[in-house]
Amino acid sequence: MKLFEQLEPHRNDYFGSFSVGTLELVFNDWYQRKKKVKTLHRFKVE
C-alpha cells in the first residue's frame, strides 16, 4: 500500500505526453543486452 500512498498526492498532476508511431515486440534477456535483443514484430500505431 505504500506505493499508492506515495502516488495519491500526484493523482491530478500533469507529467506531459508523447506520441507513439511504432510498438516493438522483442525477445531479450533481463538486462536487455544488445546482442540478446531480437525484434520479433513491429506494429504501426495510427
PDB file of N, CA and C in Angstrom:
ATOM      1  N   MET A   1       0.807  -1.202   0.000  1.00  0.00           N
ATOM      2  CA  MET A   1       0.000   0.000   0.000  1.00  0.00           C
ATOM      3  C   MET A   1       0.849   1.266   0.000  1.00  0.00           C
ATOM      4  N   LYS A   2       2.073   1.196   0.378  1.00  0.00           N
ATOM      5  CA  LYS A   2       2.900   2.405   0.438  1.00  0.00           C
ATOM      6  C   LYS A   2       3.061   3.058  -0.932  1.00  0.00           C
ATOM      7  N   LEU A   3       3.129   2.260  -1.977  1.00  0.00           N
ATOM      8  CA  LEU A   3       3.264   2.823  -3.320  1.00  0.00           C
ATOM      9  C   LEU A   3       2.076   3.730  -3.631  1.00  0.00           C
ATOM     10  N   PHE A   4       0.878   3.250  -3.365  1.00  0.00           N
ATOM     11  CA  PHE A   4      -0.315   4.044  -3.656  1.00  0.00           C
ATOM     12  C   PHE A   4      -0.406   5.274  -2.771  1.00  0.00           C
ATOM     13  N   GLU A   5       0.080   5.172  -1.573  1.00  0.00           N
ATOM     14  CA  GLU A   5       0.097   6.341  -0.686  1.00  0.00           C
ATOM     15  C   GLU A   5       1.027   7.419  -1.242  1.00  0.00           C
ATOM     16  N   GLN A   6       2.128   7.007  -1.859  1.00  0.00           N
ATOM     17  CA  GLN A   6       3.064   7.954  -2.460  1.00  0.00           C
ATOM     18  C   GLN A   6       2.493   8.567  -3.741  1.00  0.00           C
ATOM     19  N   LEU A   7       1.728   7.793  -4.479  1.00  0.00           N
ATOM     20  CA  LEU A   7       1.191   8.266  -5.751  1.00  0.00           C
ATOM     21  C   LEU A   7      -0.034   9.161  -5.596  1.00  0.00           C
ATOM     22  N   GLU A   8      -0.810   8.952  -4.579  1.00  0.00           N
ATOM     23  CA  GLU A   8      -2.070   9.670  -4.406  1.00  0.00           C
ATOM     24  C   GLU A   8      -1.952  11.192  -4.488  1.00  0.00           C
ATOM     25  N   PRO A   9      -0.958  11.829  -3.848  1.00  0.00           N
ATOM     26  CA  PRO A   9      -0.871  13.290  -3.940  1.00  0.00           C
ATOM     27  C   PRO A   9      -0.645  13.802  -5.373  1.00  0.00           C
ATOM     28  N   HIS A  10      -0.212  12.932  -6.262  1.00  0.00           N
ATOM     29  CA  HIS A  10       0.098  13.323  -7.642  1.00  0.00           C
ATOM     30  C   HIS A  10      -0.972  12.864  -8.630  1.00  0.00           C
ATOM     31  N   ARG A  11      -2.101  12.448  -8.120  1.00  0.00           N
ATOM     32  CA  ARG A  11      -3.181  11.911  -8.955  1.00  0.00           C
ATOM     33  C   ARG A  11      -3.550  12.854 -10.096  1.00  0.00           C
ATOM     34  N   ASN A  12      -3.600  14.144  -9.854  1.00  0.00           N
ATOM     35  CA  ASN A  12      -4.036  15.107 -10.865  1.00  0.00           C
ATOM     36  C   ASN A  12      -2.895  15.909 -11.484  1.00  0.00           C
ATOM     37  N   ASP A  13      -1.654  15.538 -11.208  1.00  0.00           N
ATOM     38  CA  ASP A  13      -0.511  16.233 -11.794  1.00  0.00           C
ATOM     39  C   ASP A  13      -0.360  15.852 -13.272  1.00  0.00           C
ATOM     40  N   TYR A  14       0.057  16.814 -14.071  1.00  0.00           N
ATOM     41  CA  TYR A  14       0.284  16.576 -15.493  1.00  0.00           C
ATOM     42  C   TYR A  14       1.776  16.322 -15.706  1.00  0.00           C
ATOM     43  N   PHE A  15       2.125  15.181 -16.279  1.00  0.00           N
ATOM     44  CA  PHE A  15       3.520  14.813 -16.487  1.00  0.00           C
ATOM     45  C   PHE A  15       3.937  14.888 -17.948  1.00  0.00           C
ATOM     46  N   GLY A  16       3.082  15.443 -18.791  1.00  0.00           N
ATOM     47  CA  GLY A  16       3.419  15.567 -20.200  1.00  0.00           C
ATOM     48  C   GLY A  16       2.761  14.485 -21.030  1.00  0.00           C
ATOM     49  N   SER A  17       3.132  14.462 -22.297  1.00  0.00           N
ATOM     50  CA  SER A  17       2.580  13.469 -23.215  1.00  0.00           C
ATOM     51  C   SER A  17       3.609  13.160 -24.295  1.00  0.00           C
ATOM     52  N   PHE A  18       3.364  12.107 -25.034  1.00  0.00           N
ATOM     53  CA  PHE A  18       4.227  11.746 -26.147  1.00  0.00           C
ATOM     54  C   PHE A  18       3.411  10.963 -27.168  1.00  0.00           C
ATOM     55  N   SER A  19       3.904  10.914 -28.379  1.00  0.00           N
ATOM     56  CA  SER A  19       3.239  10.184 -29.458  1.00  0.00           C
ATOM     57  C   SER A  19       3.991   8.895 -29.734  1.00  0.00           C
ATOM     58  N   VAL A  20       3.249   7.868 -30.074  1.00  0.00           N
ATOM     59  CA  VAL A  20       3.841   6.573 -30.400  1.00  0.00           C
ATOM     60  C   VAL A  20       3.472   6.240 -31.830  1.00  0.00           C
ATOM     61  N   GLY A  21       4.470   5.924 -32.647  1.00  0.00           N
ATOM     62  CA  GLY A  21       4.235   5.552 -34.035  1.00  0.00           C
ATOM     63  C   GLY A  21       4.399   4.063 -34.266  1.00  0.00           C
ATOM     64  N   THR A  22       5.260   3.427 -33.447  1.00  0.00           N
ATOM     65  CA  THR A  22       5.554   2.011 -33.613  1.00  0.00           C
ATOM     66  C   THR A  22       5.750   1.351 -32.254  1.00  0.00           C
ATOM     67  N   LEU A  23       5.216   0.146 -32.125  1.00  0.00           N
ATOM     68  CA  LEU A  23       5.476  -0.688 -30.951  1.00  0.00           C
ATOM     69  C   LEU A  23       6.291  -1.883 -31.419  1.00  0.00           C
ATOM     70  N   GLU A  24       7.251  -2.313 -30.601  1.00  0.00           N
ATOM     71  CA  GLU A  24       8.073  -3.462 -30.967  1.00  0.00           C
ATOM     72  C   GLU A  24       7.897  -4.574 -29.947  1.00  0.00           C
ATOM     73  N   LEU A  25       7.647  -5.780 -30.453  1.00  0.00           N
ATOM     74  CA  LEU A  25       7.631  -6.975 -29.629  1.00  0.00           C
ATOM     75  C   LEU A  25       9.025  -7.571 -29.735  1.00  0.00           C
ATOM     76  N   VAL A  26       9.719  -7.688 -28.608  1.00  0.00           N
ATOM     77  CA  VAL A  26      11.108  -8.146 -28.644  1.00  0.00           C
ATOM     78  C   VAL A  26      11.335  -9.326 -27.714  1.00  0.00           C
ATOM     79  N   PHE A  27      12.355 -10.103 -28.038  1.00  0.00           N
ATOM     80  CA  PHE A  27      12.873 -11.151 -27.168  1.00  0.00           C
ATOM     81  C   PHE A  27      14.178 -10.618 -26.617  1.00  0.00           C
ATOM     82  N   ASN A  28      14.391 -10.730 -25.314  1.00  0.00           N
ATOM     83  CA  ASN A  28      15.628 -10.220 -24.723  1.00  0.00           C
ATOM     84  C   ASN A  28      15.906 -10.900 -23.396  1.00  0.00           C
ATOM     85  N   ASP A  29      17.097 -10.680 -22.885  1.00  0.00           N
ATOM     86  CA  ASP A  29      17.408 -11.160 -21.545  1.00  0.00           C
ATOM     87  C   ASP A  29      17.026 -10.069 -20.544  1.00  0.00           C
ATOM     88  N   TRP A  30      17.173 -10.368 -19.283  1.00  0.00           N
ATOM     89  CA  TRP A  30      16.751  -9.459 -18.214  1.00  0.00           C
ATOM     90  C   TRP A  30      17.390  -8.078 -18.343  1.00  0.00           C
ATOM     91  N   TYR A  31      18.650  -8.033 -18.783  1.00  0.00           N
ATOM     92  CA  TYR A  31      19.402  -6.775 -18.842  1.00  0.00           C
ATOM     93  C   TYR A  31      19.291  -6.093 -20.205  1.00  0.00           C
ATOM     94  N   GLN A  32      18.574  -6.664 -21.105  1.00  0.00           N
ATOM     95  CA  GLN A  32      18.388  -6.146 -22.462  1.00  0.00           C
ATOM     96  C   GLN A  32      19.719  -5.865 -23.151  1.00  0.00           C
ATOM     97  N   ARG A  33      20.635  -6.823 -23.005  1.00  0.00           N
ATOM     98  CA  ARG A  33      21.923  -6.699 -23.688  1.00  0.00           C
ATOM     99  C   ARG A  33      21.697  -6.711 -25.196  1.00  0.00           C
ATOM    100  N   LYS A  34      22.372  -5.806 -25.875  1.00  0.00           N
ATOM    101  CA  LYS A  34      22.145  -5.599 -27.309  1.00  0.00           C
ATOM    102  C   LYS A  34      22.281  -6.889 -28.112  1.00  0.00           C
ATOM    103  N   LYS A  35      23.251  -7.725 -27.775  1.00  0.00           N
ATOM    104  CA  LYS A  35      23.459  -8.955 -28.543  1.00  0.00           C
ATOM    105  C   LYS A  35      22.350  -9.984 -28.319  1.00  0.00           C
ATOM    106  N   LYS A  36      21.564  -9.810 -27.259  1.00  0.00           N
ATOM    107  CA  LYS A  36      20.477 -10.742 -26.955  1.00  0.00           C
ATOM    108  C   LYS A  36      19.114 -10.261 -27.439  1.00  0.00           C
ATOM    109  N   VAL A  37      18.990  -8.980 -27.773  1.00  0.00           N
ATOM    110  CA  VAL A  37      17.692  -8.425 -28.169  1.00  0.00           C
ATOM    111  C   VAL A  37      17.390  -8.792 -29.619  1.00  0.00           C
ATOM    112  N   LYS A  38      16.212  -9.381 -29.843  1.00  0.00           N
ATOM    113  CA  LYS A  38      15.763  -9.700 -31.194  1.00  0.00           C
ATOM    114  C   LYS A  38      14.358  -9.135 -31.361  1.00  0.00           C
ATOM    115  N   THR A  39      14.169  -8.365 -32.407  1.00  0.00           N
ATOM    116  CA  THR A  39      12.842  -7.831 -32.707  1.00  0.00           C
ATOM    117  C   THR A  39      12.017  -8.934 -33.352  1.00  0.00           C
ATOM    118  N   LEU A  40      10.903  -9.277 -32.716  1.00  0.00           N
ATOM    119  CA  LEU A  40      10.028 -10.315 -33.238  1.00  0.00           C
ATOM    120  C   LEU A  40       8.982  -9.747 -34.192  1.00  0.00           C
ATOM    121  N   HIS A  41       8.491  -8.556 -33.868  1.00  0.00           N
ATOM    122  CA  HIS A  41       7.487  -7.928 -34.735  1.00  0.00           C
ATOM    123  C   HIS A  41       7.382  -6.447 -34.420  1.00  0.00           C
ATOM    124  N   ARG A  42       7.113  -5.656 -35.450  1.00  0.00           N
ATOM    125  CA  ARG A  42       6.856  -4.218 -35.277  1.00  0.00           C
ATOM    126  C   ARG A  42       5.399  -3.949 -35.631  1.00  0.00           C
ATOM    127  N   PHE A  43       4.741  -3.191 -34.790  1.00  0.00           N
ATOM    128  CA  PHE A  43       3.345  -2.825 -35.010  1.00  0.00           C
ATOM    129  C   PHE A  43       3.261  -1.326 -35.247  1.00  0.00           C
ATOM    130  N   LYS A  44       2.653  -0.918 -36.351  1.00  0.00           N
ATOM    131  CA  LYS A  44       2.439   0.507 -36.608  1.00  0.00           C
ATOM    132  C   LYS A  44       1.196   0.951 -35.854  1.00  0.00           C
ATOM    133  N   VAL A  45       1.296   2.075 -35.186  1.00  0.00           N
ATOM    134  CA  VAL A  45       0.173   2.644 -34.450  1.00  0.00           C
ATOM    135  C   VAL A  45      -0.308   3.861 -35.224  1.00  0.00           C
ATOM    136  N   GLU A  46      -1.573   3.881 -35.530  1.00  0.00           N
ATOM    137  CA  GLU A  46      -2.114   5.010 -36.306  1.00  0.00           C
ATOM    138  C   GLU A  46      -3.083   5.813 -35.485  1.00  0.00           C
TER     139      GLU A  46
END
